[in-house]
Amino acid sequence: MTMLRRRLGIRGENIAAEYLKRKGLQIIERNFKCRLGEIDIIAREGNYLVFVEVRTRSSASCGLPQESITAAKIKKLRRLAQVYLALRPYKNLDVRFDVVALYCAGETTITHIENAF
């Protein structure tokens, strides 16, 4: 990954975290990593533990940010969530997977897809 793409990704994750906080979600953890991969943001909203995948684009040439989430990525995120739940004491919460898609060309636009998969 190029440094420019990494910076864009970090910027997108920061914007997404602030957006979710403004919506009332409590950010529990960011960039949870294990040998399987990484979960961008883990938050709590009421009785839900929300696993958030953040996708950021600076150009529409490759389509919408949310369109880049493949079936393989969804499967990986579900496995990562299982690992996280085995390691953390959030046993009585429902689980939800959200996507926050950001398009950062000029003014940033945010699309939040709750219960995306």
PDB file of N, CA and C in Angstrom:
ATOM      1  N   MET A   1       0.852  -1.180   0.000  1.00  0.00           N
ATOM      2  CA  MET A   1       0.000   0.000   0.000  1.00  0.00           C
ATOM      3  C   MET A   1       0.895   1.241   0.000  1.00  0.00           C
ATOM      4  N   THR A   2       0.569   2.164  -0.866  1.00  0.00           N
ATOM      5  CA  THR A   2       1.379   3.377  -0.931  1.00  0.00           C
ATOM      6  C   THR A   2       1.107   4.267   0.275  1.00  0.00           C
ATOM      7  N   MET A   3       2.046   5.143   0.560  1.00  0.00           N
ATOM      8  CA  MET A   3       1.904   6.053   1.695  1.00  0.00           C
ATOM      9  C   MET A   3       0.678   6.952   1.511  1.00  0.00           C
ATOM     10  N   LEU A   4       0.422   7.379   0.289  1.00  0.00           N
ATOM     11  CA  LEU A   4      -0.730   8.241   0.012  1.00  0.00           C
ATOM     12  C   LEU A   4      -2.044   7.513   0.314  1.00  0.00           C
ATOM     13  N   ARG A   5      -2.139   6.253  -0.105  1.00  0.00           N
ATOM     14  CA  ARG A   5      -3.346   5.471   0.163  1.00  0.00           C
ATOM     15  C   ARG A   5      -3.513   5.224   1.661  1.00  0.00           C
ATOM     16  N   ARG A   6      -2.395   4.965   2.351  1.00  0.00           N
ATOM     17  CA  ARG A   6      -2.456   4.730   3.799  1.00  0.00           C
ATOM     18  C   ARG A   6      -2.947   5.988   4.517  1.00  0.00           C
ATOM     19  N   ARG A   7      -2.421   7.151   4.123  1.00  0.00           N
ATOM     20  CA  ARG A   7      -2.863   8.417   4.735  1.00  0.00           C
ATOM     21  C   ARG A   7      -4.346   8.650   4.497  1.00  0.00           C
ATOM     22  N   LEU A   8      -4.814   8.355   3.286  1.00  0.00           N
ATOM     23  CA  LEU A   8      -6.230   8.516   2.968  1.00  0.00           C
ATOM     24  C   LEU A   8      -7.067   7.586   3.851  1.00  0.00           C
ATOM     25  N   GLY A   9      -6.601   6.353   4.027  1.00  0.00           N
ATOM     26  CA  GLY A   9      -7.310   5.402   4.874  1.00  0.00           C
ATOM     27  C   GLY A   9      -7.380   5.853   6.323  1.00  0.00           C
ATOM     28  N   ILE A  10      -6.273   6.349   6.855  1.00  0.00           N
ATOM     29  CA  ILE A  10      -6.244   6.841   8.236  1.00  0.00           C
ATOM     30  C   ILE A  10      -7.176   8.039   8.384  1.00  0.00           C
ATOM     31  N   ARG A  11      -7.132   8.943   7.418  1.00  0.00           N
ATOM     32  CA  ARG A  11      -8.019  10.116   7.442  1.00  0.00           C
ATOM     33  C   ARG A  11      -9.481   9.669   7.436  1.00  0.00           C
ATOM     34  N   GLY A  12      -9.795   8.702   6.578  1.00  0.00           N
ATOM     35  CA  GLY A  12     -11.159   8.192   6.510  1.00  0.00           C
ATOM     36  C   GLY A  12     -11.610   7.552   7.815  1.00  0.00           C
ATOM     37  N   GLU A  13     -10.733   6.788   8.443  1.00  0.00           N
ATOM     38  CA  GLU A  13     -11.074   6.157   9.719  1.00  0.00           C
ATOM     39  C   GLU A  13     -11.298   7.198  10.809  1.00  0.00           C
ATOM     40  N   ASN A  14     -10.486   8.250  10.816  1.00  0.00           N
ATOM     41  CA  ASN A  14     -10.670   9.324  11.800  1.00  0.00           C
ATOM     42  C   ASN A  14     -11.999  10.047  11.591  1.00  0.00           C
ATOM     43  N   ILE A  15     -12.322  10.349  10.347  1.00  0.00           N
ATOM     44  CA  ILE A  15     -13.593  11.010  10.039  1.00  0.00           C
ATOM     45  C   ILE A  15     -14.759  10.094  10.425  1.00  0.00           C
ATOM     46  N   ALA A  16     -14.645   8.815  10.095  1.00  0.00           N
ATOM     47  CA  ALA A  16     -15.712   7.856  10.414  1.00  0.00           C
ATOM     48  C   ALA A  16     -15.921   7.745  11.920  1.00  0.00           C
ATOM     49  N   ALA A  17     -14.845   7.695  12.688  1.00  0.00           N
ATOM     50  CA  ALA A  17     -14.960   7.595  14.148  1.00  0.00           C
ATOM     51  C   ALA A  17     -15.663   8.822  14.714  1.00  0.00           C
ATOM     52  N   GLU A  18     -15.302   9.993  14.254  1.00  0.00           N
ATOM     53  CA  GLU A  18     -15.955  11.224  14.724  1.00  0.00           C
ATOM     54  C   GLU A  18     -17.428  11.244  14.324  1.00  0.00           C
ATOM     55  N   TYR A  19     -17.717  10.821  13.113  1.00  0.00           N
ATOM     56  CA  TYR A  19     -19.100  10.744  12.630  1.00  0.00           C
ATOM     57  C   TYR A  19     -19.930   9.817  13.522  1.00  0.00           C
ATOM     58  N   LEU A  20     -19.390   8.637  13.823  1.00  0.00           N
ATOM     59  CA  LEU A  20     -20.115   7.676  14.656  1.00  0.00           C
ATOM     60  C   LEU A  20     -20.322   8.219  16.065  1.00  0.00           C
ATOM     61  N   LYS A  21     -19.335   8.904  16.611  1.00  0.00           N
ATOM     62  CA  LYS A  21     -19.491   9.524  17.941  1.00  0.00           C
ATOM     63  C   LYS A  21     -20.618  10.548  17.924  1.00  0.00           C
ATOM     64  N   ARG A  22     -20.666  11.363  16.873  1.00  0.00           N
ATOM     65  CA  ARG A  22     -21.735  12.372  16.760  1.00  0.00           C
ATOM     66  C   ARG A  22     -23.107  11.717  16.661  1.00  0.00           C
ATOM     67  N   LYS A  23     -23.167  10.514  16.094  1.00  0.00           N
ATOM     68  CA  LYS A  23     -24.427   9.772  16.001  1.00  0.00           C
ATOM     69  C   LYS A  23     -24.780   9.084  17.313  1.00  0.00           C
ATOM     70  N   GLY A  24     -23.902   9.158  18.302  1.00  0.00           N
ATOM     71  CA  GLY A  24     -24.190   8.586  19.614  1.00  0.00           C
ATOM     72  C   GLY A  24     -23.566   7.233  19.893  1.00  0.00           C
ATOM     73  N   LEU A  25     -22.773   6.702  18.975  1.00  0.00           N
ATOM     74  CA  LEU A  25     -22.105   5.435  19.223  1.00  0.00           C
ATOM     75  C   LEU A  25     -20.884   5.670  20.104  1.00  0.00           C
ATOM     76  N   GLN A  26     -20.608   4.735  20.968  1.00  0.00           N
ATOM     77  CA  GLN A  26     -19.419   4.790  21.828  1.00  0.00           C
ATOM     78  C   GLN A  26     -18.331   3.961  21.160  1.00  0.00           C
ATOM     79  N   ILE A  27     -17.218   4.598  20.819  1.00  0.00           N
ATOM     80  CA  ILE A  27     -16.104   3.877  20.207  1.00  0.00           C
ATOM     81  C   ILE A  27     -15.403   3.075  21.299  1.00  0.00           C
ATOM     82  N   ILE A  28     -15.353   1.773  21.123  1.00  0.00           N
ATOM     83  CA  ILE A  28     -14.708   0.895  22.097  1.00  0.00           C
ATOM     84  C   ILE A  28     -13.259   0.650  21.725  1.00  0.00           C
ATOM     85  N   GLU A  29     -13.033   0.418  20.434  1.00  0.00           N
ATOM     86  CA  GLU A  29     -11.680   0.087  19.992  1.00  0.00           C
ATOM     87  C   GLU A  29     -11.541   0.436  18.514  1.00  0.00           C
ATOM     88  N   ARG A  30     -10.316   0.799  18.152  1.00  0.00           N
ATOM     89  CA  ARG A  30     -10.009   1.065  16.751  1.00  0.00           C
ATOM     90  C   ARG A  30      -8.834   0.192  16.337  1.00  0.00           C
ATOM     91  N   ASN A  31      -8.883  -0.258  15.115  1.00  0.00           N
ATOM     92  CA  ASN A  31      -7.806  -1.044  14.520  1.00  0.00           C
ATOM     93  C   ASN A  31      -7.444  -2.275  15.338  1.00  0.00           C
ATOM     94  N   PHE A  32      -8.463  -3.046  15.709  1.00  0.00           N
ATOM     95  CA  PHE A  32      -8.222  -4.323  16.382  1.00  0.00           C
ATOM     96  C   PHE A  32      -7.540  -5.257  15.390  1.00  0.00           C
ATOM     97  N   LYS A  33      -6.380  -5.792  15.794  1.00  0.00           N
ATOM     98  CA  LYS A  33      -5.612  -6.666  14.904  1.00  0.00           C
ATOM     99  C   LYS A  33      -5.372  -8.017  15.559  1.00  0.00           C
ATOM    100  N   CYS A  34      -5.419  -9.026  14.726  1.00  0.00           N
ATOM    101  CA  CYS A  34      -4.991 -10.366  15.113  1.00  0.00           C
ATOM    102  C   CYS A  34      -4.410 -11.001  13.850  1.00  0.00           C
ATOM    103  N   ARG A  35      -4.029 -12.259  13.952  1.00  0.00           N
ATOM    104  CA  ARG A  35      -3.375 -12.902  12.804  1.00  0.00           C
ATOM    105  C   ARG A  35      -4.274 -12.988  11.569  1.00  0.00           C
ATOM    106  N   LEU A  36      -5.590 -12.908  11.750  1.00  0.00           N
ATOM    107  CA  LEU A  36      -6.524 -12.985  10.624  1.00  0.00           C
ATOM    108  C   LEU A  36      -6.672 -11.676   9.866  1.00  0.00           C
ATOM    109  N   GLY A  37      -6.395 -10.562  10.534  1.00  0.00           N
ATOM    110  CA  GLY A  37      -6.576  -9.267   9.888  1.00  0.00           C
ATOM    111  C   GLY A  37      -6.907  -8.179  10.880  1.00  0.00           C
ATOM    112  N   GLU A  38      -7.702  -7.214  10.425  1.00  0.00           N
ATOM    113  CA  GLU A  38      -7.988  -6.026  11.229  1.00  0.00           C
ATOM    114  C   GLU A  38      -9.439  -5.600  11.088  1.00  0.00           C
ATOM    115  N   ILE A  39     -10.004  -5.141  12.205  1.00  0.00           N
ATOM    116  CA  ILE A  39     -11.323  -4.513  12.207  1.00  0.00           C
ATOM    117  C   ILE A  39     -11.083  -3.029  12.435  1.00  0.00           C
ATOM    118  N   ASP A  40     -11.631  -2.189  11.569  1.00  0.00           N
ATOM    119  CA  ASP A  40     -11.356  -0.756  11.630  1.00  0.00           C
ATOM    120  C   ASP A  40     -11.861  -0.116  12.921  1.00  0.00           C
ATOM    121  N   ILE A  41     -13.153  -0.287  13.200  1.00  0.00           N
ATOM    122  CA  ILE A  41     -13.755   0.354  14.377  1.00  0.00           C
ATOM    123  C   ILE A  41     -14.721  -0.633  15.027  1.00  0.00           C
ATOM    124  N   ILE A  42     -14.671  -0.683  16.345  1.00  0.00           N
ATOM    125  CA  ILE A  42     -15.640  -1.454  17.114  1.00  0.00           C
ATOM    126  C   ILE A  42     -16.317  -0.457  18.047  1.00  0.00           C
ATOM    127  N   ALA A  43     -17.635  -0.422  17.992  1.00  0.00           N
ATOM    128  CA  ALA A  43     -18.396   0.569  18.757  1.00  0.00           C
ATOM    129  C   ALA A  43     -19.572  -0.108  19.444  1.00  0.00           C
ATOM    130  N   ARG A  44     -20.178   0.654  20.334  1.00  0.00           N
ATOM    131  CA  ARG A  44     -21.384   0.172  20.999  1.00  0.00           C
ATOM    132  C   ARG A  44     -22.497   1.183  20.782  1.00  0.00           C
ATOM    133  N   GLU A  45     -23.672   0.643  20.445  1.00  0.00           N
ATOM    134  CA  GLU A  45     -24.869   1.468  20.314  1.00  0.00           C
ATOM    135  C   GLU A  45     -26.000   0.703  20.986  1.00  0.00           C
ATOM    136  N   GLY A  46     -26.388   1.154  22.170  1.00  0.00           N
ATOM    137  CA  GLY A  46     -27.426   0.460  22.923  1.00  0.00           C
ATOM    138  C   GLY A  46     -27.007  -0.964  23.227  1.00  0.00           C
ATOM    139  N   ASN A  47     -27.827  -1.914  22.803  1.00  0.00           N
ATOM    140  CA  ASN A  47     -27.529  -3.329  23.028  1.00  0.00           C
ATOM    141  C   ASN A  47     -26.740  -3.968  21.896  1.00  0.00           C
ATOM    142  N   TYR A  48     -26.180  -3.137  21.023  1.00  0.00           N
ATOM    143  CA  TYR A  48     -25.427  -3.661  19.881  1.00  0.00           C
ATOM    144  C   TYR A  48     -23.937  -3.401  20.029  1.00  0.00           C
ATOM    145  N   LEU A  49     -23.158  -4.427  19.710  1.00  0.00           N
ATOM    146  CA  LEU A  49     -21.734  -4.268  19.488  1.00  0.00           C
ATOM    147  C   LEU A  49     -21.589  -4.168  17.978  1.00  0.00           C
ATOM    148  N   VAL A  50     -21.052  -3.053  17.514  1.00  0.00           N
ATOM    149  CA  VAL A  50     -21.045  -2.749  16.086  1.00  0.00           C
ATOM    150  C   VAL A  50     -19.621  -2.844  15.544  1.00  0.00           C
ATOM    151  N   PHE A  51     -19.428  -3.733  14.588  1.00  0.00           N
ATOM    152  CA  PHE A  51     -18.154  -3.874  13.897  1.00  0.00           C
ATOM    153  C   PHE A  51     -18.261  -3.055  12.615  1.00  0.00           C
ATOM    154  N   VAL A  52     -17.359  -2.099  12.460  1.00  0.00           N
ATOM    155  CA  VAL A  52     -17.472  -1.140  11.360  1.00  0.00           C
ATOM    156  C   VAL A  52     -16.306  -1.288  10.394  1.00  0.00           C
ATOM    157  N   GLU A  53     -16.639  -1.476   9.141  1.00  0.00           N
ATOM    158  CA  GLU A  53     -15.646  -1.465   8.067  1.00  0.00           C
ATOM    159  C   GLU A  53     -15.699  -0.085   7.420  1.00  0.00           C
ATOM    160  N   VAL A  54     -14.555   0.573   7.343  1.00  0.00           N
ATOM    161  CA  VAL A  54     -14.469   1.908   6.761  1.00  0.00           C
ATOM    162  C   VAL A  54     -13.817   1.790   5.390  1.00  0.00           C
ATOM    163  N   ARG A  55     -14.441   2.387   4.398  1.00  0.00           N
ATOM    164  CA  ARG A  55     -13.893   2.417   3.043  1.00  0.00           C
ATOM    165  C   ARG A  55     -13.832   3.861   2.577  1.00  0.00           C
ATOM    166  N   THR A  56     -12.674   4.281   2.107  1.00  0.00           N
ATOM    167  CA  THR A  56     -12.461   5.668   1.702  1.00  0.00           C
ATOM    168  C   THR A  56     -11.938   5.708   0.280  1.00  0.00           C
ATOM    169  N   ARG A  57     -12.478   6.598  -0.517  1.00  0.00           N
ATOM    170  CA  ARG A  57     -12.017   6.801  -1.896  1.00  0.00           C
ATOM    171  C   ARG A  57     -11.839   8.293  -2.153  1.00  0.00           C
ATOM    172  N   SER A  58     -10.875   8.606  -2.994  1.00  0.00           N
ATOM    173  CA  SER A  58     -10.672  10.000  -3.396  1.00  0.00           C
ATOM    174  C   SER A  58     -11.107  10.216  -4.840  1.00  0.00           C
ATOM    175  N   SER A  59     -11.516   9.141  -5.497  1.00  0.00           N
ATOM    176  CA  SER A  59     -11.929   9.217  -6.886  1.00  0.00           C
ATOM    177  C   SER A  59     -13.039   8.201  -7.126  1.00  0.00           C
ATOM    178  N   ALA A  60     -13.905   8.503  -8.055  1.00  0.00           N
ATOM    179  CA  ALA A  60     -14.992   7.574  -8.397  1.00  0.00           C
ATOM    180  C   ALA A  60     -14.586   6.615  -9.514  1.00  0.00           C
ATOM    181  N   SER A  61     -13.342   6.674  -9.933  1.00  0.00           N
ATOM    182  CA  SER A  61     -12.901   5.857 -11.064  1.00  0.00           C
ATOM    183  C   SER A  61     -13.006   4.353 -10.802  1.00  0.00           C
ATOM    184  N   CYS A  62     -12.962   3.948  -9.547  1.00  0.00           N
ATOM    185  CA  CYS A  62     -13.073   2.518  -9.195  1.00  0.00           C
ATOM    186  C   CYS A  62     -14.429   2.187  -8.591  1.00  0.00           C
ATOM    187  N   GLY A  63     -15.384   3.077  -8.720  1.00  0.00           N
ATOM    188  CA  GLY A  63     -16.711   2.841  -8.175  1.00  0.00           C
ATOM    189  C   GLY A  63     -16.862   3.418  -6.778  1.00  0.00           C
ATOM    190  N   LEU A  64     -18.002   3.157  -6.172  1.00  0.00           N
ATOM    191  CA  LEU A  64     -18.285   3.655  -4.831  1.00  0.00           C
ATOM    192  C   LEU A  64     -17.447   2.894  -3.806  1.00  0.00           C
ATOM    193  N   PRO A  65     -17.079   3.542  -2.712  1.00  0.00           N
ATOM    194  CA  PRO A  65     -16.247   2.863  -1.708  1.00  0.00           C
ATOM    195  C   PRO A  65     -16.873   1.564  -1.202  1.00  0.00           C
ATOM    196  N   GLN A  66     -18.169   1.580  -0.929  1.00  0.00           N
ATOM    197  CA  GLN A  66     -18.820   0.403  -0.382  1.00  0.00           C
ATOM    198  C   GLN A  66     -18.870  -0.769  -1.364  1.00  0.00           C
ATOM    199  N   GLU A  67     -18.732  -0.474  -2.647  1.00  0.00           N
ATOM    200  CA  GLU A  67     -18.754  -1.537  -3.646  1.00  0.00           C
ATOM    201  C   GLU A  67     -17.494  -2.390  -3.632  1.00  0.00           C
ATOM    202  N   SER A  68     -16.482  -1.943  -2.917  1.00  0.00           N
ATOM    203  CA  SER A  68     -15.217  -2.685  -2.879  1.00  0.00           C
ATOM    204  C   SER A  68     -15.207  -3.788  -1.822  1.00  0.00           C
ATOM    205  N   ILE A  69     -16.292  -3.952  -1.091  1.00  0.00           N
ATOM    206  CA  ILE A  69     -16.352  -4.994  -0.064  1.00  0.00           C
ATOM    207  C   ILE A  69     -16.847  -6.286  -0.711  1.00  0.00           C
ATOM    208  N   THR A  70     -15.950  -7.248  -0.775  1.00  0.00           N
ATOM    209  CA  THR A  70     -16.237  -8.518  -1.438  1.00  0.00           C
ATOM    210  C   THR A  70     -16.826  -9.531  -0.457  1.00  0.00           C
ATOM    211  N   ALA A  71     -17.333 -10.616  -1.000  1.00  0.00           N
ATOM    212  CA  ALA A  71     -17.842 -11.716  -0.164  1.00  0.00           C
ATOM    213  C   ALA A  71     -16.723 -12.274   0.712  1.00  0.00           C
ATOM    214  N   ALA A  72     -15.511 -12.340   0.179  1.00  0.00           N
ATOM    215  CA  ALA A  72     -14.366 -12.824   0.970  1.00  0.00           C
ATOM    216  C   ALA A  72     -14.078 -11.896   2.138  1.00  0.00           C
ATOM    217  N   LYS A  73     -14.192 -10.591   1.917  1.00  0.00           N
ATOM    218  CA  LYS A  73     -13.959  -9.624   2.988  1.00  0.00           C
ATOM    219  C   LYS A  73     -15.033  -9.759   4.069  1.00  0.00           C
ATOM    220  N   ILE A  74     -16.266  -9.949   3.673  1.00  0.00           N
ATOM    221  CA  ILE A  74     -17.360 -10.136   4.637  1.00  0.00           C
ATOM    222  C   ILE A  74     -17.100 -11.376   5.491  1.00  0.00           C
ATOM    223  N   LYS A  75     -16.713 -12.459   4.851  1.00  0.00           N
ATOM    224  CA  LYS A  75     -16.403 -13.690   5.582  1.00  0.00           C
ATOM    225  C   LYS A  75     -15.260 -13.459   6.566  1.00  0.00           C
ATOM    226  N   LYS A  76     -14.246 -12.745   6.138  1.00  0.00           N
ATOM    227  CA  LYS A  76     -13.097 -12.444   6.995  1.00  0.00           C
ATOM    228  C   LYS A  76     -13.514 -11.586   8.189  1.00  0.00           C
ATOM    229  N   LEU A  77     -14.341 -10.585   7.949  1.00  0.00           N
ATOM    230  CA  LEU A  77     -14.802  -9.722   9.038  1.00  0.00           C
ATOM    231  C   LEU A  77     -15.629 -10.507  10.057  1.00  0.00           C
ATOM    232  N   ARG A  78     -16.427 -11.418   9.588  1.00  0.00           N
ATOM    233  CA  ARG A  78     -17.215 -12.248  10.511  1.00  0.00           C
ATOM    234  C   ARG A  78     -16.302 -13.115  11.379  1.00  0.00           C
ATOM    235  N   ARG A  79     -15.273 -13.681  10.766  1.00  0.00           N
ATOM    236  CA  ARG A  79     -14.318 -14.488  11.539  1.00  0.00           C
ATOM    237  C   ARG A  79     -13.555 -13.616  12.532  1.00  0.00           C
ATOM    238  N   LEU A  80     -13.165 -12.417  12.117  1.00  0.00           N
ATOM    239  CA  LEU A  80     -12.480 -11.484  13.020  1.00  0.00           C
ATOM    240  C   LEU A  80     -13.367 -11.118  14.204  1.00  0.00           C
ATOM    241  N   ALA A  81     -14.649 -10.911  13.941  1.00  0.00           N
ATOM    242  CA  ALA A  81     -15.588 -10.586  15.018  1.00  0.00           C
ATOM    243  C   ALA A  81     -15.688 -11.744  16.007  1.00  0.00           C
ATOM    244  N   GLN A  82     -15.687 -12.972  15.516  1.00  0.00           N
ATOM    245  CA  GLN A  82     -15.720 -14.133  16.409  1.00  0.00           C
ATOM    246  C   GLN A  82     -14.485 -14.169  17.311  1.00  0.00           C
ATOM    247  N   VAL A  83     -13.327 -13.879  16.737  1.00  0.00           N
ATOM    248  CA  VAL A  83     -12.094 -13.834  17.532  1.00  0.00           C
ATOM    249  C   VAL A  83     -12.195 -12.738  18.584  1.00  0.00           C
ATOM    250  N   TYR A  84     -12.656 -11.570  18.177  1.00  0.00           N
ATOM    251  CA  TYR A  84     -12.790 -10.451  19.104  1.00  0.00           C
ATOM    252  C   TYR A  84     -13.715 -10.818  20.266  1.00  0.00           C
ATOM    253  N   LEU A  85     -14.851 -11.413  19.955  1.00  0.00           N
ATOM    254  CA  LEU A  85     -15.824 -11.773  20.992  1.00  0.00           C
ATOM    255  C   LEU A  85     -15.285 -12.851  21.931  1.00  0.00           C
ATOM    256  N   ALA A  86     -14.410 -13.704  21.433  1.00  0.00           N
ATOM    257  CA  ALA A  86     -13.796 -14.726  22.290  1.00  0.00           C
ATOM    258  C   ALA A  86     -12.790 -14.101  23.259  1.00  0.00           C
ATOM    259  N   LEU A  87     -12.229 -12.952  22.871  1.00  0.00           N
ATOM    260  CA  LEU A  87     -11.202 -12.299  23.690  1.00  0.00           C
ATOM    261  C   LEU A  87     -11.735 -11.205  24.609  1.00  0.00           C
ATOM    262  N   ARG A  88     -12.934 -10.707  24.335  1.00  0.00           N
ATOM    263  CA  ARG A  88     -13.475  -9.574  25.083  1.00  0.00           C
ATOM    264  C   ARG A  88     -14.790  -9.960  25.748  1.00  0.00           C
ATOM    265  N   PRO A  89     -15.133  -9.302  26.863  1.00  0.00           N
ATOM    266  CA  PRO A  89     -16.320  -9.692  27.648  1.00  0.00           C
ATOM    267  C   PRO A  89     -17.633  -9.042  27.183  1.00  0.00           C
ATOM    268  N   TYR A  90     -17.966  -9.149  25.919  1.00  0.00           N
ATOM    269  CA  TYR A  90     -19.217  -8.577  25.408  1.00  0.00           C
ATOM    270  C   TYR A  90     -20.169  -9.703  25.030  1.00  0.00           C
ATOM    271  N   LYS A  91     -20.542 -10.505  25.985  1.00  0.00           N
ATOM    272  CA  LYS A  91     -21.330 -11.707  25.711  1.00  0.00           C
ATOM    273  C   LYS A  91     -22.824 -11.438  25.563  1.00  0.00           C
ATOM    274  N   ASN A  92     -23.353 -10.389  26.186  1.00  0.00           N
ATOM    275  CA  ASN A  92     -24.800 -10.164  26.197  1.00  0.00           C
ATOM    276  C   ASN A  92     -25.273  -9.122  25.195  1.00  0.00           C
ATOM    277  N   LEU A  93     -24.442  -8.793  24.236  1.00  0.00           N
ATOM    278  CA  LEU A  93     -24.820  -7.797  23.237  1.00  0.00           C
ATOM    279  C   LEU A  93     -25.100  -8.457  21.894  1.00  0.00           C
ATOM    280  N   ASP A  94     -26.044  -7.886  21.161  1.00  0.00           N
ATOM    281  CA  ASP A  94     -26.260  -8.317  19.789  1.00  0.00           C
ATOM    282  C   ASP A  94     -25.127  -7.753  18.942  1.00  0.00           C
ATOM    283  N   VAL A  95     -24.861  -8.386  17.819  1.00  0.00           N
ATOM    284  CA  VAL A  95     -23.768  -7.976  16.942  1.00  0.00           C
ATOM    285  C   VAL A  95     -24.340  -7.425  15.644  1.00  0.00           C
ATOM    286  N   ARG A  96     -23.698  -6.366  15.164  1.00  0.00           N
ATOM    287  CA  ARG A  96     -24.112  -5.754  13.905  1.00  0.00           C
ATOM    288  C   ARG A  96     -22.857  -5.376  13.121  1.00  0.00           C
ATOM    289  N   PHE A  97     -22.931  -5.481  11.809  1.00  0.00           N
ATOM    290  CA  PHE A  97     -21.823  -5.083  10.940  1.00  0.00           C
ATOM    291  C   PHE A  97     -22.271  -3.888  10.106  1.00  0.00           C
ATOM    292  N   ASP A  98     -21.579  -2.782  10.267  1.00  0.00           N
ATOM    293  CA  ASP A  98     -21.878  -1.559   9.512  1.00  0.00           C
ATOM    294  C   ASP A  98     -20.740  -1.246   8.556  1.00  0.00           C
ATOM    295  N   VAL A  99     -21.049  -0.459   7.560  1.00  0.00           N
ATOM    296  CA  VAL A  99     -20.042   0.081   6.642  1.00  0.00           C
ATOM    297  C   VAL A  99     -20.167   1.587   6.675  1.00  0.00           C
ATOM    298  N   VAL A 100     -19.034   2.266   6.817  1.00  0.00           N
ATOM    299  CA  VAL A 100     -18.990   3.715   6.652  1.00  0.00           C
ATOM    300  C   VAL A 100     -18.123   3.959   5.419  1.00  0.00           C
ATOM    301  N   ALA A 101     -18.753   4.485   4.378  1.00  0.00           N
ATOM    302  CA  ALA A 101     -18.076   4.742   3.115  1.00  0.00           C
ATOM    303  C   ALA A 101     -17.885   6.249   2.957  1.00  0.00           C
ATOM    304  N   LEU A 102     -16.648   6.647   2.669  1.00  0.00           N
ATOM    305  CA  LEU A 102     -16.332   8.062   2.525  1.00  0.00           C
ATOM    306  C   LEU A 102     -15.784   8.332   1.132  1.00  0.00           C
ATOM    307  N   TYR A 103     -16.281   9.388   0.540  1.00  0.00           N
ATOM    308  CA  TYR A 103     -15.787   9.849  -0.749  1.00  0.00           C
ATOM    309  C   TYR A 103     -15.169  11.222  -0.500  1.00  0.00           C
ATOM    310  N   CYS A 104     -13.845  11.293  -0.590  1.00  0.00           N
ATOM    311  CA  CYS A 104     -13.088  12.500  -0.234  1.00  0.00           C
ATOM    312  C   CYS A 104     -12.514  13.161  -1.475  1.00  0.00           C
ATOM    313  N   ALA A 105     -13.345  13.767  -2.268  1.00  0.00           N
ATOM    314  CA  ALA A 105     -12.897  14.533  -3.425  1.00  0.00           C
ATOM    315  C   ALA A 105     -13.544  15.899  -3.282  1.00  0.00           C
ATOM    316  N   GLY A 106     -12.763  16.861  -2.829  1.00  0.00           N
ATOM    317  CA  GLY A 106     -13.344  18.153  -2.480  1.00  0.00           C
ATOM    318  C   GLY A 106     -14.010  18.009  -1.135  1.00  0.00           C
ATOM    319  N   GLU A 107     -15.331  18.168  -1.112  1.00  0.00           N
ATOM    320  CA  GLU A 107     -16.082  17.994   0.133  1.00  0.00           C
ATOM    321  C   GLU A 107     -16.279  16.499   0.403  1.00  0.00           C
ATOM    322  N   THR A 108     -16.098  16.091   1.638  1.00  0.00           N
ATOM    323  CA  THR A 108     -16.242  14.683   2.005  1.00  0.00           C
ATOM    324  C   THR A 108     -17.709  14.326   2.164  1.00  0.00           C
ATOM    325  N   THR A 109     -18.116  13.239   1.523  1.00  0.00           N
ATOM    326  CA  THR A 109     -19.464  12.717   1.705  1.00  0.00           C
ATOM    327  C   THR A 109     -19.367  11.378   2.430  1.00  0.00           C
ATOM    328  N   ILE A 110     -20.300  11.164   3.351  1.00  0.00           N
ATOM    329  CA  ILE A 110     -20.302   9.968   4.180  1.00  0.00           C
ATOM    330  C   ILE A 110     -21.593   9.196   3.943  1.00  0.00           C
ATOM    331  N   THR A 111     -21.453   7.900   3.700  1.00  0.00           N
ATOM    332  CA  THR A 111     -22.593   7.003   3.602  1.00  0.00           C
ATOM    333  C   THR A 111     -22.435   5.969   4.700  1.00  0.00           C
ATOM    334  N   HIS A 112     -23.412   5.903   5.602  1.00  0.00           N
ATOM    335  CA  HIS A 112     -23.377   4.931   6.704  1.00  0.00           C
ATOM    336  C   HIS A 112     -24.434   3.880   6.427  1.00  0.00           C
ATOM    337  N   ILE A 113     -23.984   2.651   6.250  1.00  0.00           N
ATOM    338  CA  ILE A 113     -24.892   1.545   5.983  1.00  0.00           C
ATOM    339  C   ILE A 113     -24.936   0.679   7.229  1.00  0.00           C
ATOM    340  N   GLU A 114     -26.038   0.789   7.971  1.00  0.00           N
ATOM    341  CA  GLU A 114     -26.203  -0.019   9.176  1.00  0.00           C
ATOM    342  C   GLU A 114     -26.642  -1.418   8.787  1.00  0.00           C
ATOM    343  N   ASN A 115     -26.136  -2.398   9.548  1.00  0.00           N
ATOM    344  CA  ASN A 115     -26.507  -3.790   9.313  1.00  0.00           C
ATOM    345  C   ASN A 115     -26.249  -4.167   7.856  1.00  0.00           C
ATOM    346  N   ALA A 116     -25.064  -3.831   7.370  1.00  0.00           N
ATOM    347  CA  ALA A 116     -24.731  -3.980   5.957  1.00  0.00           C
ATOM    348  C   ALA A 116     -24.663  -5.441   5.505  1.00  0.00           C
ATOM    349  N   PHE A 117     -24.289  -6.318   6.412  1.00  0.00           N
ATOM    350  CA  PHE A 117     -24.215  -7.748   6.056  1.00  0.00           C
ATOM    351  C   PHE A 117     -24.306  -8.597   7.300  1.00  0.00           C
TER     352      PHE A 117
END
